[in-house]
Amino acid sequence: MPNSADQKRRLLELLRLLLERTDEDHPLSAQELAQLLEEQCHIPAQARGVLGDLELLNRWGVDLAWDSAQPPRCHVANRTFALPELKLLVDAVQSSKFITKKKSDELIKKLESLASVHQGRLLQRQVYVANRIKTMNESIYSNIDAIHSAIDGDRRISFLYFEYTITKERRFRHQGQRYLVSPYALAWEDENYYLIAYDSRANRIKHYRVDKMVDIQVEDLIRAGQEDFDRFDMALYTKKMFGMYGGQEQVVKLRLANRLIGVVLDRFGKDLSIGRAGEDHFTVSLPVVVSPQFFGWVFGLGPDAAILAPQGVVEEMRVYLQKVLSLYPEPGQ
């Protein structure tokens, strides 16, 4: 007669087999489960005993569904995540540029463990995204954890901040001196994670690429800038920025072809004042941070978009276009 420890082990191994081996398309009978217990777990089992264990697991909250086959077969009906939800999560992990390839593979493997082995193969087929550029900073996960700890503890952080040289080497900004800021939030924009923080020296809100931060330390200093952040509108901030590049914020008036209304609404939302400019065009005034990235966005819309005001921004756009044009001299010049 099996002892209590053996019965408990059989129950645990049976639950593991159900989670790993069964799904809607791959149910198993009590006899098949008993065979797996003997072959894989080296636990003597019979179909009748397995049926009793399945009934017990069902009473404990394991949702088992049975089919009408003879003998009847069962599978785990409801899991923490359904297969479509896991596919979404896998796609998000794989397509996120800030997650390194190594960490993507690790996370996807963990997500696969939440499905049956059969559905896990479907998730593996989901992960192939051609030539996806991934971040090279493996420390981003500890960075995020340190930032959240500082926010929760109302503390400032210090860190080194780098950029890449043309030889693919890191070069630290500010001559390698540490930045000291008060962290308030993390933002996901333009396929990158950004820290939104208050810089006491500059007396304003700034943002930093999390994957370019190194050696983050939580300092024993209370955060500053709470009043500034209370007035801070994250959604409005990210709408104004192009590629999260800094610059002077201005209200810019544009004239655009009617076909571009969707582009504008997708970028800036529907809370805009739209004016008519003839039958084929409209005008709109937008608060934006004027930068080369903003000019590039307007230029990308082609001849159907033009900056009307203020005149200073019009002049900056003209200089920007002249510099670009100078890179393409006419033949013979």
Protein backbone atom coordinates (compact mmCIF):
# COMPACT_ATOMS: atom_id res chain seq x y z
CA MET A 1 0.00 0.00 0.00
CA PRO A 2 1.54 3.35 -0.99
CA ASN A 3 2.41 5.69 1.85
CA SER A 4 1.21 9.27 2.22
CA ALA A 5 4.40 10.76 0.75
CA ASP A 6 4.07 8.61 -2.39
CA GLN A 7 0.44 9.67 -2.84
CA LYS A 8 1.33 13.33 -2.52
CA ARG A 9 4.15 12.97 -5.04
CA ARG A 10 1.84 11.16 -7.46
CA LEU A 11 -0.69 13.96 -7.17
CA LEU A 12 1.92 16.64 -7.82
CA GLU A 13 3.42 14.79 -10.77
CA LEU A 14 -0.06 14.21 -12.19
CA LEU A 15 -0.78 17.94 -12.00
CA ARG A 16 2.53 18.67 -13.74
CA LEU A 17 1.72 16.22 -16.54
CA LEU A 18 -1.73 17.75 -17.01
CA LEU A 19 -0.27 21.25 -17.31
CA GLU A 20 2.58 20.18 -19.59
CA ARG A 21 0.91 17.58 -21.79
CA THR A 22 -2.76 18.46 -22.15
CA ASP A 23 -4.72 21.17 -23.91
CA GLU A 24 -7.95 21.35 -25.92
CA ASP A 25 -6.36 19.57 -28.88
CA HIS A 26 -4.36 17.07 -26.82
CA PRO A 27 -6.51 15.48 -24.08
CA LEU A 28 -5.34 12.35 -22.25
CA SER A 29 -7.24 9.45 -20.72
CA ALA A 30 -6.69 8.17 -17.17
CA GLN A 31 -4.90 5.14 -18.62
CA GLU A 32 -2.56 7.35 -20.68
CA LEU A 33 -1.81 9.49 -17.64
CA ALA A 34 -1.09 6.39 -15.56
CA GLN A 35 1.32 5.21 -18.25
CA LEU A 36 3.11 8.58 -18.26
CA LEU A 37 3.41 8.47 -14.46
CA GLU A 38 5.12 5.09 -14.68
CA GLU A 39 7.36 5.86 -17.68
CA GLN A 40 8.44 9.41 -16.90
CA CYS A 41 8.07 9.68 -13.13
CA HIS A 42 8.66 6.02 -12.14
CA ILE A 43 5.49 6.06 -10.06
CA PRO A 44 3.28 2.94 -10.15
CA ALA A 45 -0.22 3.97 -11.16
CA GLN A 46 -3.48 2.52 -12.40
CA ALA A 47 -6.29 4.16 -14.31
CA ARG A 48 -8.76 3.80 -11.41
CA GLY A 49 -6.40 5.52 -8.97
CA VAL A 50 -5.65 8.28 -11.48
CA LEU A 51 -9.39 8.91 -11.91
CA GLY A 52 -9.67 9.44 -8.16
CA ASP A 53 -6.71 11.83 -8.24
CA LEU A 54 -8.25 13.78 -11.12
CA GLU A 55 -11.49 14.16 -9.18
CA LEU A 56 -9.51 15.42 -6.18
CA LEU A 57 -7.59 17.94 -8.32
CA ASN A 58 -10.87 19.14 -9.80
CA ARG A 59 -12.25 19.75 -6.30
CA TRP A 60 -9.09 21.73 -5.47
CA GLY A 61 -9.76 24.11 -8.34
CA VAL A 62 -7.95 22.58 -11.31
CA ASP A 63 -10.44 23.14 -14.15
CA LEU A 64 -10.57 19.86 -16.07
CA ALA A 65 -12.70 19.36 -19.16
CA TRP A 66 -13.68 15.89 -20.42
CA ASP A 67 -14.55 14.80 -23.94
CA SER A 68 -17.05 12.13 -25.04
CA ALA A 69 -14.48 9.62 -26.26
CA GLN A 70 -14.27 6.08 -24.90
CA PRO A 71 -12.45 6.01 -22.61
CA PRO A 72 -13.03 9.71 -21.82
CA ARG A 73 -10.05 12.04 -22.01
CA CYS A 74 -9.43 15.27 -20.11
CA HIS A 75 -7.38 18.42 -20.40
CA VAL A 76 -6.74 21.56 -18.36
CA ALA A 77 -9.46 23.91 -19.59
CA ASN A 78 -8.57 27.27 -18.06
CA ARG A 79 -5.02 28.43 -17.49
CA THR A 80 -3.66 31.68 -16.14
CA PHE A 81 -3.09 32.84 -19.73
CA ALA A 82 -4.95 31.68 -22.83
CA LEU A 83 -2.90 30.87 -25.93
CA PRO A 84 -3.84 34.11 -27.78
CA GLU A 85 -2.76 36.11 -24.71
CA LEU A 86 0.59 34.29 -24.61
CA LYS A 87 1.10 34.99 -28.30
CA LEU A 88 0.56 38.70 -27.66
CA LEU A 89 3.06 38.64 -24.81
CA VAL A 90 5.62 36.76 -26.91
CA ASP A 91 5.20 39.22 -29.77
CA ALA A 92 5.65 42.14 -27.37
CA VAL A 93 8.83 40.65 -25.91
CA GLN A 94 10.29 39.75 -29.28
CA SER A 95 9.53 43.09 -30.93
CA SER A 96 10.67 45.25 -28.00
CA LYS A 97 13.93 46.86 -28.99
CA PHE A 98 14.98 47.58 -25.42
CA ILE A 99 15.00 43.87 -24.49
CA THR A 100 18.23 42.13 -25.50
CA LYS A 101 18.10 38.99 -27.63
CA LYS A 102 19.43 36.89 -24.75
CA LYS A 103 16.78 38.14 -22.35
CA SER A 104 14.08 37.83 -25.03
CA ASP A 105 14.91 34.15 -25.42
CA GLU A 106 14.82 33.66 -21.64
CA LEU A 107 11.48 35.43 -21.22
CA ILE A 108 9.88 33.61 -24.13
CA LYS A 109 11.03 30.29 -22.69
CA LYS A 110 9.30 31.18 -19.42
CA LEU A 111 6.15 32.18 -21.28
CA GLU A 112 6.20 28.83 -23.09
CA SER A 113 6.14 27.08 -19.70
CA LEU A 114 2.71 28.61 -19.06
CA ALA A 115 1.27 26.59 -21.94
CA SER A 116 1.30 22.91 -22.82
CA VAL A 117 4.34 21.59 -24.70
CA HIS A 118 2.19 21.44 -27.84
CA GLN A 119 1.10 25.07 -27.58
CA GLY A 120 4.66 26.01 -26.66
CA ARG A 121 5.72 24.95 -30.15
CA LEU A 122 3.16 27.39 -31.57
CA LEU A 123 4.71 30.13 -29.48
CA GLN A 124 8.14 29.25 -30.84
CA ARG A 125 6.85 29.76 -34.37
CA GLN A 126 5.55 33.16 -33.31
CA VAL A 127 8.92 34.57 -32.29
CA TYR A 128 10.73 34.94 -35.61
CA VAL A 129 10.95 38.63 -36.53
CA ALA A 130 13.48 39.24 -39.28
CA ASN A 131 16.56 41.31 -38.44
CA ARG A 132 15.11 42.83 -35.29
CA ILE A 133 17.61 45.28 -33.78
CA LYS A 134 17.90 44.64 -30.05
CA THR A 135 19.55 46.71 -27.36
CA MET A 136 23.09 45.76 -26.32
CA ASN A 137 22.72 46.80 -22.66
CA GLU A 138 22.07 43.69 -20.54
CA SER A 139 21.70 45.78 -17.36
CA ILE A 140 18.37 47.34 -18.35
CA TYR A 141 16.40 44.96 -16.10
CA SER A 142 18.36 45.84 -12.98
CA ASN A 143 18.12 49.49 -14.09
CA ILE A 144 14.34 49.38 -14.13
CA ASP A 145 14.24 47.63 -10.76
CA ALA A 146 16.55 50.23 -9.21
CA ILE A 147 14.47 53.09 -10.64
CA HIS A 148 11.22 51.65 -9.25
CA SER A 149 12.88 51.15 -5.86
CA ALA A 150 13.97 54.78 -5.81
CA ILE A 151 10.51 56.01 -6.82
CA ASP A 152 8.84 53.86 -4.16
CA GLY A 153 11.35 55.05 -1.56
CA ASP A 154 11.13 58.72 -2.59
CA ARG A 155 14.89 58.81 -3.24
CA ARG A 156 17.16 60.29 -5.91
CA ILE A 157 19.39 58.19 -8.13
CA SER A 158 22.81 58.72 -9.66
CA PHE A 159 24.15 57.02 -12.78
CA LEU A 160 26.57 57.16 -15.67
CA TYR A 161 25.12 57.95 -19.10
CA PHE A 162 26.74 56.86 -22.35
CA GLU A 163 26.51 57.06 -26.11
CA TYR A 164 28.14 54.88 -28.76
CA THR A 165 31.08 55.96 -30.90
CA ILE A 166 31.56 54.95 -34.53
CA THR A 167 33.81 52.14 -33.26
CA LYS A 168 30.80 50.78 -31.30
CA GLU A 169 32.41 51.64 -27.98
CA ARG A 170 30.73 53.38 -25.09
CA ARG A 171 31.62 56.99 -24.40
CA PHE A 172 30.31 58.46 -21.17
CA ARG A 173 28.78 61.91 -21.26
CA HIS A 174 29.75 64.77 -18.93
CA GLN A 175 33.35 63.54 -18.95
CA GLY A 176 32.29 60.44 -17.07
CA GLN A 177 30.74 62.36 -14.16
CA ARG A 178 27.64 60.89 -12.55
CA TYR A 179 24.18 62.31 -13.17
CA LEU A 180 22.05 63.00 -10.08
CA VAL A 181 18.29 63.23 -10.63
CA SER A 182 14.94 62.65 -8.94
CA PRO A 183 13.11 59.82 -10.76
CA TYR A 184 9.34 60.05 -11.17
CA ALA A 185 8.18 57.78 -13.99
CA LEU A 186 9.11 55.45 -16.82
CA ALA A 187 7.74 56.07 -20.31
CA TRP A 188 7.61 53.81 -23.36
CA GLU A 189 8.08 55.89 -26.50
CA ASP A 190 9.52 55.29 -29.95
CA GLU A 191 10.29 51.65 -29.01
CA ASN A 192 12.48 52.65 -26.07
CA TYR A 193 12.17 52.99 -22.30
CA TYR A 194 12.76 56.48 -20.92
CA LEU A 195 13.21 57.70 -17.38
CA ILE A 196 11.31 60.91 -16.65
CA ALA A 197 13.16 62.72 -13.87
CA TYR A 198 13.66 66.13 -12.30
CA ASP A 199 17.12 67.67 -12.66
CA SER A 200 17.70 70.04 -9.73
CA ARG A 201 20.66 71.77 -11.37
CA ALA A 202 18.72 72.57 -14.54
CA ASN A 203 15.52 73.11 -12.51
CA ARG A 204 13.36 71.19 -15.00
CA ILE A 205 12.00 67.81 -16.05
CA LYS A 206 14.29 65.76 -18.31
CA HIS A 207 14.25 62.31 -19.86
CA TYR A 208 16.94 59.65 -20.27
CA ARG A 209 17.17 56.41 -22.27
CA VAL A 210 17.13 53.63 -19.68
CA ASP A 211 19.26 51.29 -21.80
CA LYS A 212 22.02 53.94 -21.89
CA MET A 213 22.16 54.29 -18.10
CA VAL A 214 24.91 52.41 -16.24
CA ASP A 215 25.71 51.78 -12.57
CA ILE A 216 22.48 53.20 -11.14
CA GLN A 217 22.70 53.89 -7.41
CA VAL A 218 19.84 54.83 -5.12
CA GLU A 219 21.06 57.79 -3.06
CA ASP A 220 20.07 58.71 0.48
CA LEU A 221 18.55 61.97 -0.71
CA ILE A 222 14.85 62.85 -0.77
CA ARG A 223 13.55 63.54 -4.29
CA ALA A 224 13.14 67.13 -5.45
CA GLY A 225 10.75 68.60 -8.01
CA GLN A 226 7.49 67.09 -6.77
CA GLU A 227 5.52 70.26 -7.56
CA ASP A 228 6.92 70.35 -11.10
CA PHE A 229 6.01 66.71 -11.67
CA ASP A 230 2.49 67.23 -10.26
CA ARG A 231 1.96 69.74 -13.08
CA PHE A 232 3.60 67.44 -15.60
CA ASP A 233 1.40 65.83 -18.28
CA MET A 234 3.12 62.66 -19.49
CA ALA A 235 0.84 62.09 -22.48
CA LEU A 236 1.18 65.69 -23.64
CA TYR A 237 4.96 65.58 -23.15
CA THR A 238 5.44 62.53 -25.37
CA LYS A 239 3.11 63.93 -28.05
CA LYS A 240 5.17 67.10 -28.31
CA MET A 241 8.48 65.26 -28.59
CA PHE A 242 9.72 63.74 -31.84
CA GLY A 243 12.03 60.79 -31.23
CA MET A 244 12.26 62.11 -27.63
CA TYR A 245 14.75 64.75 -28.82
CA GLY A 246 14.90 67.97 -26.86
CA GLY A 247 14.39 71.48 -28.19
CA GLN A 248 12.32 74.60 -27.69
CA GLU A 249 8.59 74.09 -27.31
CA GLN A 250 6.51 76.24 -29.66
CA VAL A 251 3.02 76.31 -31.13
CA VAL A 252 3.49 75.61 -34.84
CA LYS A 253 0.82 76.13 -37.49
CA LEU A 254 0.75 73.63 -40.37
CA ARG A 255 -1.16 73.37 -43.63
CA LEU A 256 -1.77 69.78 -44.74
CA ALA A 257 -3.67 67.90 -47.41
CA ASN A 258 -6.98 66.47 -46.23
CA ARG A 259 -5.69 62.92 -46.71
CA LEU A 260 -3.23 63.51 -43.85
CA ILE A 261 -5.88 64.15 -41.20
CA GLY A 262 -5.51 60.58 -39.92
CA VAL A 263 -1.75 61.01 -39.54
CA VAL A 264 -2.26 64.13 -37.42
CA LEU A 265 -5.00 62.60 -35.27
CA ASP A 266 -2.98 59.43 -34.70
CA ARG A 267 -0.02 61.49 -33.52
CA PHE A 268 -1.72 64.29 -31.56
CA GLY A 269 -5.18 63.00 -30.70
CA LYS A 270 -8.60 64.45 -31.49
CA ASP A 271 -8.50 67.41 -29.12
CA LEU A 272 -7.32 69.75 -31.88
CA SER A 273 -8.70 72.84 -33.56
CA ILE A 274 -8.89 72.07 -37.28
CA GLY A 275 -9.42 74.85 -39.83
CA ARG A 276 -10.30 74.75 -43.53
CA ALA A 277 -7.74 75.89 -46.11
CA GLY A 278 -9.66 75.49 -49.35
CA GLU A 279 -11.29 72.26 -50.50
CA ASP A 280 -8.19 70.07 -50.38
CA HIS A 281 -6.27 71.28 -47.32
CA PHE A 282 -6.70 72.04 -43.63
CA THR A 283 -4.69 73.96 -41.04
CA VAL A 284 -3.87 72.99 -37.48
CA SER A 285 -1.83 74.57 -34.68
CA LEU A 286 0.21 72.09 -32.66
CA PRO A 287 2.39 72.45 -29.54
CA VAL A 288 5.63 70.70 -30.46
CA VAL A 289 9.27 70.62 -29.41
CA VAL A 290 11.02 72.02 -32.47
CA SER A 291 13.97 69.82 -33.43
CA PRO A 292 15.53 68.25 -36.53
CA GLN A 293 13.34 65.23 -35.85
CA PHE A 294 10.23 67.42 -36.09
CA PHE A 295 11.45 68.87 -39.39
CA GLY A 296 12.13 65.33 -40.60
CA TRP A 297 8.57 64.33 -39.69
CA VAL A 298 7.13 67.25 -41.68
CA PHE A 299 9.48 66.55 -44.59
CA GLY A 300 8.39 62.90 -44.57
CA LEU A 301 4.83 64.01 -45.30
CA GLY A 302 6.05 65.38 -48.64
CA PRO A 303 4.65 68.34 -50.58
CA ASP A 304 1.27 67.89 -48.89
CA ALA A 305 2.56 69.46 -45.64
CA ALA A 306 3.99 72.92 -44.96
CA ILE A 307 4.87 74.98 -41.88
CA LEU A 308 3.05 78.32 -41.93
CA ALA A 309 4.08 79.90 -38.60
CA PRO A 310 5.85 81.12 -36.61
CA GLN A 311 8.22 82.67 -39.10
CA GLY A 312 11.27 81.68 -37.08
CA VAL A 313 10.37 78.00 -37.38
CA VAL A 314 9.71 78.47 -41.10
CA GLU A 315 13.24 79.86 -41.45
CA GLU A 316 14.68 76.96 -39.45
CA MET A 317 12.88 74.53 -41.75
CA ARG A 318 14.27 76.31 -44.81
CA VAL A 319 17.84 76.08 -43.43
CA TYR A 320 17.27 72.41 -42.59
CA LEU A 321 16.10 71.67 -46.15
CA GLN A 322 19.01 73.60 -47.68
CA LYS A 323 21.49 71.57 -45.64
CA VAL A 324 19.86 68.35 -46.78
CA LEU A 325 19.80 69.54 -50.40
CA SER A 326 23.49 70.44 -50.26
CA LEU A 327 24.25 66.76 -49.77
CA TYR A 328 22.86 66.06 -53.26
CA PRO A 329 24.62 68.40 -55.73
CA GLU A 330 23.65 68.31 -59.36
CA PRO A 331 25.86 66.21 -61.65
CA GLY A 332 28.97 68.11 -62.71
CA GLN A 333 28.94 70.49 -59.74
